[in-house]
Amino acid sequence: MSGPPEVDVLVVGLGVHGSAAAYELALRGAGVVAIDQFAEDHHRGSSHGRTRMIRRAYPSPVWNDLVARAFAGWERWERASGETLVRRTGGLYAHRGTAQLQGPGCEVVEDRGRLRELMPSFAVPDGYRAVYDPSAGVVEAGTALAVARAGARAAGAELAFGERMLSWQATGDGCLVETTARRIRARSLVLATGAWVGRVVPALADLFEVWRIVTVTLRADQPVARPPRLGAFSVDRPEGLVFGIPDAAGNGFKAGVDAGEVWDPQRPAAPPTADEIGDLCRLMARYVPGVAADPQRDVVEAASCLYTMTRDRRFVLGRLPWAPPVVVAAACSGHGFKFAPAVGAAVADLCGGDDRRDLDFVGVRRRLDP
C-alpha cells in the first residue's frame, strides 16, 4: 500500500506571502502544493483590497536590505507579468520630536514651505516635522496578488482553496500534513497562516495579537487627492498612526488608523460601523483639506481587515528550531504587504537550505531565546 503523495514544499495560507512563496518556489523548479482554508476571493485575512503603501523609510537601518530586496522584487514581478504593480508618488511621514524613520534617499523636513512644496494637499499638523521618502508610493495590491497566484500556477504550482490544514508533524526527512481533503508528505512545510499562526504553532501563540483594522476609500474623481498634490503619508499620533494612500490610478484616496480592537480570527471581522466611517472621514478631511469626505456621498469602500501584530512590529520569518523543515512566514504587523516578493524569495531560500542570516532580525529564534 503506497503512502501519501510527496511534494517538495507544501505552503499553508494563500494570502500575499503564501502566494509569493508559492510563486518564487515554483519559479525555482520546486514541486509546490499550496492550500488555503477559505475561498480564493475571501476577506477573512490581511491581503484583500486594492492598494497598499510602499516606502523605503523605516525605523532602523537593519530593515534597509530587505526593503531593497522588496523594491527589486516588485520590478522583477512587473517585468515577468507586464503589469504595473508599484506607482511612485513620494511620501511624507509626519512626527513629533526626533525622526523615527530613515532610509536611502530620505530627507528630514522641518520647513513648512518645503513640506507644502513636496505635497501641497497634505496638512502637516503644527509642531510636527516629517521624513520625506521620494521612493514611496502605492502597490496595486489586488493586481499583485493575482500576479503571484497566476505566476505560481503557470510555473506548475497547485493552488487549492477551501482546503484546511488539520494537523502537521515533523518527520525525519520532512513533514506529514493532514488536511480536510488529503494527507501530504512534504520535504518542507511553509506556514504563511497570518492571524492563525498561533493556532498552527502553539509555541509561538503568545508572541502575537490580532487586531481588527478599518479603512475607508473615497471616490476617485478628486484632484486634491491625486499625485503630485498628494502622495503616501502618515501622521504619528498618541491615539494611533493615521496612514493615507493617494489616488494614484483611479483607486480612490484610502486611509486608516493603525490601532484597533483585539479580534478572534475565527470570527469574520465585523463590518465598519457608521461611527468608524465618520471618524475616518473627518481625519481624511483634516489632513487633506478640500477633499470631499461625506460618509454618505463620497465613500466608495469601507473595509475591515486583520493585522497580526508583534510587540516590536517585526515579522516572524524563519525555520522552527525544533522542526527545521518548517518555515514560518507570518505576523507582518500591518506593514508586510510591500515585502511580498522579498518574503517569497526568502522562503524559497530557506526551503532550499540557505541560512539567510540577514533575516535574524525578523527570525523565529529571537522570539524564543531568553
Protein backbone atom coordinates (compact mmCIF):
# COMPACT_ATOMS: atom_id res chain seq x y z
CA MET A 1 0.00 0.00 0.00
CA SER A 2 1.52 3.33 -1.03
CA GLY A 3 1.86 6.21 1.40
CA PRO A 4 0.62 9.77 0.95
CA PRO A 5 1.88 11.67 -2.10
CA GLU A 6 5.13 13.55 -1.61
CA VAL A 7 5.83 17.12 -2.71
CA ASP A 8 8.87 19.34 -2.34
CA VAL A 9 7.02 22.10 -0.50
CA LEU A 10 3.55 22.47 0.98
CA VAL A 11 2.51 26.09 1.57
CA VAL A 12 -0.34 26.69 4.02
CA GLY A 13 -2.04 30.05 3.62
CA LEU A 14 -2.51 31.88 0.33
CA GLY A 15 -2.52 35.47 1.38
CA VAL A 16 0.08 37.60 -0.33
CA HIS A 17 3.05 35.99 1.43
CA GLY A 18 1.92 32.42 0.90
CA SER A 19 1.12 33.23 -2.72
CA ALA A 20 4.51 34.92 -3.14
CA ALA A 21 6.24 31.91 -1.60
CA ALA A 22 4.42 29.52 -3.95
CA TYR A 23 5.37 31.71 -6.91
CA GLU A 24 9.06 32.05 -6.01
CA LEU A 25 9.40 28.37 -5.13
CA ALA A 26 7.74 27.21 -8.34
CA LEU A 27 9.94 29.54 -10.40
CA ARG A 28 12.95 27.71 -8.98
CA GLY A 29 11.58 24.36 -10.06
CA ALA A 30 10.21 23.13 -6.74
CA GLY A 31 7.13 20.95 -6.73
CA VAL A 32 4.63 23.08 -4.80
CA VAL A 33 1.19 22.45 -3.37
CA ALA A 34 -0.41 25.45 -1.65
CA ILE A 35 -3.69 25.43 0.26
CA ASP A 36 -5.96 27.97 1.91
CA GLN A 37 -8.90 27.29 4.20
CA PHE A 38 -11.11 29.91 2.52
CA ALA A 39 -12.36 30.65 -0.99
CA GLU A 40 -9.98 32.46 -3.34
CA ASP A 41 -11.56 35.91 -3.02
CA HIS A 42 -12.18 35.84 0.73
CA HIS A 43 -11.88 38.86 3.03
CA ARG A 44 -11.03 36.98 6.23
CA GLY A 45 -7.34 37.88 6.41
CA SER A 46 -4.99 40.76 5.64
CA SER A 47 -4.37 40.60 1.88
CA HIS A 48 -7.62 41.76 0.29
CA GLY A 49 -8.19 45.27 -1.05
CA ARG A 50 -6.97 47.32 -3.99
CA THR A 51 -3.97 49.23 -2.65
CA ARG A 52 -1.16 49.24 -0.08
CA MET A 53 1.64 51.66 0.73
CA ILE A 54 5.28 51.07 -0.13
CA ARG A 55 8.24 53.06 1.23
CA ARG A 56 11.94 52.91 1.88
CA ALA A 57 11.61 54.93 5.09
CA TYR A 58 11.93 52.50 8.03
CA PRO A 59 12.73 52.85 11.74
CA SER A 60 16.15 51.17 11.62
CA PRO A 61 18.90 50.52 9.06
CA VAL A 62 18.50 46.81 9.83
CA TRP A 63 15.47 46.91 7.50
CA ASN A 64 17.21 48.54 4.55
CA ASP A 65 18.43 45.41 2.79
CA LEU A 66 15.04 43.69 2.97
CA VAL A 67 13.36 46.87 1.72
CA ALA A 68 15.78 46.99 -1.23
CA ARG A 69 15.04 43.34 -2.00
CA ALA A 70 11.32 44.14 -1.95
CA PHE A 71 11.65 47.01 -4.44
CA ALA A 72 13.82 44.85 -6.70
CA GLY A 73 11.30 42.03 -6.39
CA TRP A 74 8.39 44.21 -7.48
CA GLU A 75 10.36 45.26 -10.54
CA ARG A 76 11.05 41.62 -11.31
CA TRP A 77 7.36 40.72 -10.98
CA GLU A 78 6.43 43.65 -13.21
CA ARG A 79 8.82 42.51 -15.94
CA ALA A 80 7.52 38.95 -15.75
CA SER A 81 3.82 39.89 -15.77
CA GLY A 82 3.71 43.06 -17.85
CA GLU A 83 1.61 44.66 -15.10
CA THR A 84 2.28 47.91 -13.25
CA LEU A 85 2.46 46.94 -9.59
CA VAL A 86 4.15 49.96 -7.95
CA ARG A 87 3.35 53.63 -8.57
CA ARG A 88 5.90 56.07 -7.14
CA THR A 89 4.28 59.14 -5.57
CA GLY A 90 6.73 60.13 -2.83
CA GLY A 91 5.74 60.05 0.81
CA LEU A 92 5.71 62.33 3.84
CA TYR A 93 5.72 60.77 7.31
CA ALA A 94 4.87 63.34 9.98
CA HIS A 95 6.02 63.03 13.57
CA ARG A 96 6.83 64.98 16.71
CA GLY A 97 10.34 65.15 18.12
CA THR A 98 13.26 63.20 16.68
CA ALA A 99 12.73 61.48 13.33
CA GLN A 100 11.84 57.81 13.76
CA LEU A 101 12.34 56.85 10.12
CA GLN A 102 15.40 56.64 7.86
CA GLY A 103 16.36 55.08 4.59
CA PRO A 104 18.18 55.62 1.29
CA GLY A 105 17.21 58.96 -0.21
CA CYS A 106 15.09 60.01 2.75
CA GLU A 107 15.15 63.60 4.00
CA VAL A 108 14.06 65.12 7.33
CA VAL A 109 11.95 68.19 6.54
CA GLU A 110 11.20 70.91 9.10
CA ASP A 111 10.49 73.92 6.89
CA ARG A 112 6.76 74.22 6.32
CA GLY A 113 7.25 75.81 2.94
CA ARG A 114 9.26 72.80 1.86
CA LEU A 115 6.52 70.48 3.16
CA ARG A 116 3.90 72.32 1.08
CA GLU A 117 6.18 72.21 -1.94
CA LEU A 118 6.65 68.45 -1.64
CA MET A 119 2.98 67.63 -1.07
CA PRO A 120 0.60 70.61 -1.40
CA SER A 121 -2.55 68.73 -0.34
CA PHE A 122 -1.15 67.29 2.91
CA ALA A 123 -1.71 69.46 6.00
CA VAL A 124 1.13 68.53 8.35
CA PRO A 125 -0.05 69.36 11.89
CA ASP A 126 1.52 72.30 13.73
CA GLY A 127 4.52 71.25 15.79
CA TYR A 128 5.28 68.32 13.51
CA ARG A 129 8.16 67.74 11.13
CA ALA A 130 8.27 64.97 8.53
CA VAL A 131 10.51 62.48 6.79
CA TYR A 132 10.27 62.69 3.02
CA ASP A 133 10.76 59.46 1.07
CA PRO A 134 10.97 60.02 -2.70
CA SER A 135 10.64 56.28 -3.36
CA ALA A 136 7.34 55.88 -1.52
CA GLY A 137 4.14 55.15 -3.33
CA VAL A 138 1.32 52.73 -3.90
CA VAL A 139 1.28 48.99 -4.51
CA GLU A 140 -1.56 47.74 -6.71
CA ALA A 141 -2.39 45.08 -4.15
CA GLY A 142 -5.22 43.29 -5.90
CA THR A 143 -3.23 43.05 -9.11
CA ALA A 144 -0.12 41.93 -7.24
CA LEU A 145 -1.95 39.09 -5.51
CA ALA A 146 -3.36 37.95 -8.86
CA VAL A 147 0.10 38.12 -10.46
CA ALA A 148 1.64 35.96 -7.72
CA ARG A 149 -1.07 33.33 -7.96
CA ALA A 150 -1.12 33.27 -11.76
CA GLY A 151 2.68 33.08 -11.83
CA ALA A 152 2.69 30.21 -9.35
CA ARG A 153 0.16 28.26 -11.37
CA ALA A 154 1.98 28.95 -14.64
CA ALA A 155 5.20 27.62 -13.08
CA GLY A 156 3.48 24.39 -12.07
CA ALA A 157 2.27 25.00 -8.51
CA GLU A 158 -1.07 23.58 -7.39
CA LEU A 159 -3.20 26.14 -5.52
CA ALA A 160 -6.15 24.68 -3.64
CA PHE A 161 -8.71 26.91 -1.94
CA GLY A 162 -11.30 25.73 0.55
CA GLU A 163 -8.85 23.17 1.97
CA ARG A 164 -7.89 23.49 5.63
CA MET A 165 -4.87 22.01 7.38
CA LEU A 166 -5.98 19.82 10.29
CA SER A 167 -2.56 18.86 11.66
CA TRP A 168 1.14 18.69 10.86
CA GLN A 169 4.06 16.78 12.29
CA ALA A 170 7.74 16.89 11.54
CA THR A 171 9.31 13.62 10.48
CA GLY A 172 12.92 12.64 9.94
CA ASP A 173 13.03 13.97 6.41
CA GLY A 174 10.15 16.44 6.18
CA CYS A 175 6.59 16.84 7.39
CA LEU A 176 3.37 14.88 7.27
CA VAL A 177 0.28 17.05 6.92
CA GLU A 178 -3.39 16.14 7.13
CA THR A 179 -5.94 18.45 5.51
CA THR A 180 -9.68 18.31 5.12
CA ALA A 181 -9.12 16.69 1.72
CA ARG A 182 -5.96 14.54 1.93
CA ARG A 183 -2.67 13.61 3.57
CA ILE A 184 0.53 15.06 2.10
CA ARG A 185 4.17 14.35 2.81
CA ALA A 186 6.36 17.39 2.13
CA ARG A 187 10.10 17.90 2.33
CA SER A 188 9.40 21.45 3.55
CA LEU A 189 6.30 22.99 5.10
CA VAL A 190 5.66 26.75 4.87
CA LEU A 191 3.21 28.21 7.39
CA ALA A 192 2.01 31.53 5.98
CA THR A 193 -1.15 31.49 8.06
CA GLY A 194 -1.31 35.13 9.18
CA ALA A 195 -3.79 35.58 12.03
CA TRP A 196 -3.93 31.80 12.55
CA VAL A 197 -0.19 31.34 13.15
CA GLY A 198 -0.63 30.96 16.89
CA ARG A 199 -3.15 28.18 16.33
CA VAL A 200 -0.94 26.16 14.00
CA VAL A 201 2.23 26.75 16.06
CA PRO A 202 1.01 26.99 19.68
CA ALA A 203 4.56 27.53 20.97
CA LEU A 204 4.52 30.93 19.24
CA ALA A 205 0.98 31.94 20.21
CA ASP A 206 1.98 34.35 22.99
CA LEU A 207 4.00 36.45 20.55
CA PHE A 208 1.01 37.64 18.54
CA GLU A 209 -2.10 39.73 18.93
CA VAL A 210 -4.73 40.07 16.18
CA TRP A 211 -6.36 43.45 15.63
CA ARG A 212 -9.39 44.45 13.58
CA ILE A 213 -8.47 47.48 11.45
CA VAL A 214 -10.86 49.71 9.46
CA THR A 215 -10.05 51.60 6.25
CA VAL A 216 -12.13 53.99 4.15
CA THR A 217 -11.70 54.78 0.45
CA LEU A 218 -13.12 57.96 -1.11
CA ARG A 219 -14.29 58.42 -4.68
CA ALA A 220 -11.61 58.73 -7.31
CA ASP A 221 -12.55 61.96 -9.13
CA GLN A 222 -10.80 64.36 -6.73
CA PRO A 223 -7.62 66.10 -7.99
CA VAL A 224 -6.75 67.19 -4.44
CA ALA A 225 -6.16 63.53 -3.55
CA ARG A 226 -4.05 62.65 -6.58
CA PRO A 227 -0.29 62.84 -7.18
CA PRO A 228 1.61 65.10 -7.39
CA ARG A 229 -0.58 67.08 -4.97
CA LEU A 230 -0.89 64.12 -2.61
CA GLY A 231 1.44 61.19 -2.05
CA ALA A 232 1.62 58.49 0.59
CA PHE A 233 1.59 59.89 4.12
CA SER A 234 1.21 59.18 7.80
CA VAL A 235 0.70 61.19 10.97
CA ASP A 236 2.09 59.65 14.15
CA ARG A 237 -0.39 60.41 16.96
CA PRO A 238 -0.57 59.02 20.52
CA GLU A 239 -4.01 57.57 19.80
CA GLY A 240 -2.87 55.74 16.68
CA LEU A 241 -0.94 56.43 13.49
CA VAL A 242 -3.08 57.70 10.61
CA PHE A 243 -1.95 56.49 7.18
CA GLY A 244 -3.05 57.75 3.78
CA ILE A 245 -2.71 56.24 0.31
CA PRO A 246 -3.31 58.67 -2.56
CA ASP A 247 -5.47 58.07 -5.60
CA ALA A 248 -2.58 57.12 -7.84
CA ALA A 249 -4.51 55.33 -10.60
CA GLY A 250 -8.24 55.73 -10.10
CA ASN A 251 -8.37 53.59 -6.97
CA GLY A 252 -9.53 56.43 -4.73
CA PHE A 253 -7.97 58.02 -1.65
CA LYS A 254 -7.66 55.45 1.16
CA ALA A 255 -6.89 55.99 4.83
CA GLY A 256 -6.94 54.15 8.12
CA VAL A 257 -5.62 54.15 11.67
CA ASP A 258 -3.03 51.62 12.84
CA ALA A 259 -4.94 50.79 16.00
CA GLY A 260 -7.89 48.52 16.60
CA GLU A 261 -9.67 46.14 18.93
CA VAL A 262 -8.26 42.70 19.62
CA TRP A 263 -10.09 40.16 17.48
CA ASP A 264 -10.54 36.39 17.25
CA PRO A 265 -9.76 35.43 13.64
CA GLN A 266 -12.20 32.54 13.88
CA ARG A 267 -14.90 35.21 13.62
CA PRO A 268 -15.23 37.25 10.41
CA ALA A 269 -14.11 40.82 11.05
CA ALA A 270 -17.18 42.94 11.77
CA PRO A 271 -18.03 45.47 9.03
CA PRO A 272 -17.12 49.10 9.78
CA THR A 273 -19.74 50.96 11.76
CA ALA A 274 -21.18 54.33 10.81
CA ASP A 275 -19.23 55.95 13.65
CA GLU A 276 -15.95 54.39 12.49
CA ILE A 277 -16.54 55.54 8.92
CA GLY A 278 -17.45 59.06 10.08
CA ASP A 279 -14.37 59.32 12.28
CA LEU A 280 -12.07 58.29 9.42
CA CYS A 281 -13.75 60.69 7.00
CA ARG A 282 -13.14 63.55 9.44
CA LEU A 283 -9.47 62.59 9.73
CA MET A 284 -9.13 62.45 5.94
CA ALA A 285 -10.64 65.93 5.61
CA ARG A 286 -8.38 67.24 8.40
CA TYR A 287 -5.14 66.06 6.82
CA VAL A 288 -6.20 66.65 3.21
CA PRO A 289 -8.20 69.90 3.34
CA GLY A 290 -10.60 70.31 0.47
CA VAL A 291 -11.18 66.62 -0.13
CA ALA A 292 -14.84 65.63 -0.29
CA ALA A 293 -15.30 63.11 2.53
CA ASP A 294 -19.01 62.93 3.25
CA PRO A 295 -19.73 59.41 4.57
CA GLN A 296 -22.97 59.19 2.59
CA ARG A 297 -21.83 60.63 -0.74
CA ASP A 298 -18.09 60.17 -1.07
CA VAL A 299 -17.18 56.80 0.46
CA VAL A 300 -16.83 54.06 -2.15
CA GLU A 301 -15.47 51.40 0.19
CA ALA A 302 -15.26 50.85 3.93
CA ALA A 303 -13.46 47.66 4.87
CA SER A 304 -12.25 45.67 7.86
CA CYS A 305 -9.16 43.50 7.87
CA LEU A 306 -6.94 41.75 10.40
CA TYR A 307 -3.48 42.83 11.49
CA THR A 308 -1.43 40.16 13.25
CA MET A 309 0.81 42.21 15.49
CA THR A 310 4.05 41.55 17.35
CA ARG A 311 5.30 43.78 20.16
CA ASP A 312 8.21 45.16 18.16
CA ARG A 313 6.22 45.28 14.87
CA ARG A 314 8.77 42.96 13.27
CA PHE A 315 7.92 39.87 11.26
CA VAL A 316 8.33 36.26 12.29
CA LEU A 317 10.20 34.71 9.37
CA GLY A 318 12.41 31.64 9.61
CA ARG A 319 12.70 27.94 10.36
CA LEU A 320 11.32 26.48 13.57
CA PRO A 321 14.38 25.49 15.65
CA TRP A 322 12.74 22.27 16.84
CA ALA A 323 11.37 21.40 13.37
CA PRO A 324 13.83 22.63 10.69
CA PRO A 325 11.68 21.50 7.72
CA VAL A 326 9.05 24.05 8.83
CA VAL A 327 9.35 27.69 7.75
CA VAL A 328 7.11 30.30 9.36
CA ALA A 329 6.30 33.42 7.34
CA ALA A 330 3.75 35.32 9.37
CA ALA A 331 2.77 38.18 11.64
CA CYS A 332 3.67 41.10 9.46
CA SER A 333 2.15 43.67 11.83
CA GLY A 334 0.25 45.69 9.25
CA HIS A 335 3.22 46.70 7.10
CA GLY A 336 4.12 43.44 5.40
CA PHE A 337 2.35 43.56 2.04
CA LYS A 338 5.06 45.73 0.49
CA PHE A 339 7.62 43.00 1.23
CA ALA A 340 5.79 40.20 -0.60
CA PRO A 341 8.39 39.45 -3.32
CA ALA A 342 11.23 39.61 -0.78
CA VAL A 343 9.40 37.36 1.69
CA GLY A 344 8.57 34.89 -1.07
CA ALA A 345 12.21 34.77 -2.16
CA ALA A 346 13.37 34.41 1.44
CA VAL A 347 11.03 31.46 1.97
CA ALA A 348 12.36 29.85 -1.21
CA ASP A 349 15.93 30.37 0.01
CA LEU A 350 15.15 28.85 3.41
CA CYS A 351 13.40 25.84 1.87
CA GLY A 352 16.44 25.40 -0.36
CA GLY A 353 18.81 25.21 2.60
CA ASP A 354 20.12 28.80 2.70
CA ASP A 355 20.60 30.08 6.26
CA ARG A 356 19.74 33.71 5.34
CA ARG A 357 21.41 35.12 8.44
CA ASP A 358 20.46 38.59 7.21
CA LEU A 359 16.93 37.71 8.39
CA ASP A 360 17.92 37.14 12.01
CA PHE A 361 16.32 40.46 12.99
CA VAL A 362 12.93 39.02 12.00
CA GLY A 363 13.78 35.40 12.75
CA VAL A 364 11.91 32.87 14.83
CA ARG A 365 14.74 32.11 17.24
CA ARG A 366 14.94 35.62 18.65
CA ARG A 367 11.32 35.17 19.79
CA LEU A 368 12.18 32.08 21.79
CA ASP A 369 15.60 32.76 23.27
CA PRO A 370 15.62 34.49 26.70
